[in-house]
């Protein structure tokens, strides 16, 4: 199994550390970094285990499938991806607080 993050997703995750710290979701930058690292690890180690969903038509631009990941009780992360020959191509990441979440099963 191979997991490939798009450049956009890599940039999003890197910037997420700054956003979480600057908006004071975390008091320390190191804690923000650990949170994002935990999310990445969860994606990498369980994307193939958790139930996948077909992406709704109006969100298919992000990928054919999506999976939800919860690493705390306040936010569920949603990863959109395509899959081919043992490789997961992670195209987009969002969460249950984003406007698109209303189109996903059980996200709100």
Foldseek 3Di string as FASTA:
>chain_A
DAEAEDPVVVVVLVVQLVVCCVVPVDVDSVVSVVVSVVVVVCCVPPVVPDDKDQQPPVPCVQARIKDWDDPDDPKIKIWHFYDDDHYTYTRDIDILVDPCNVRDPPRD
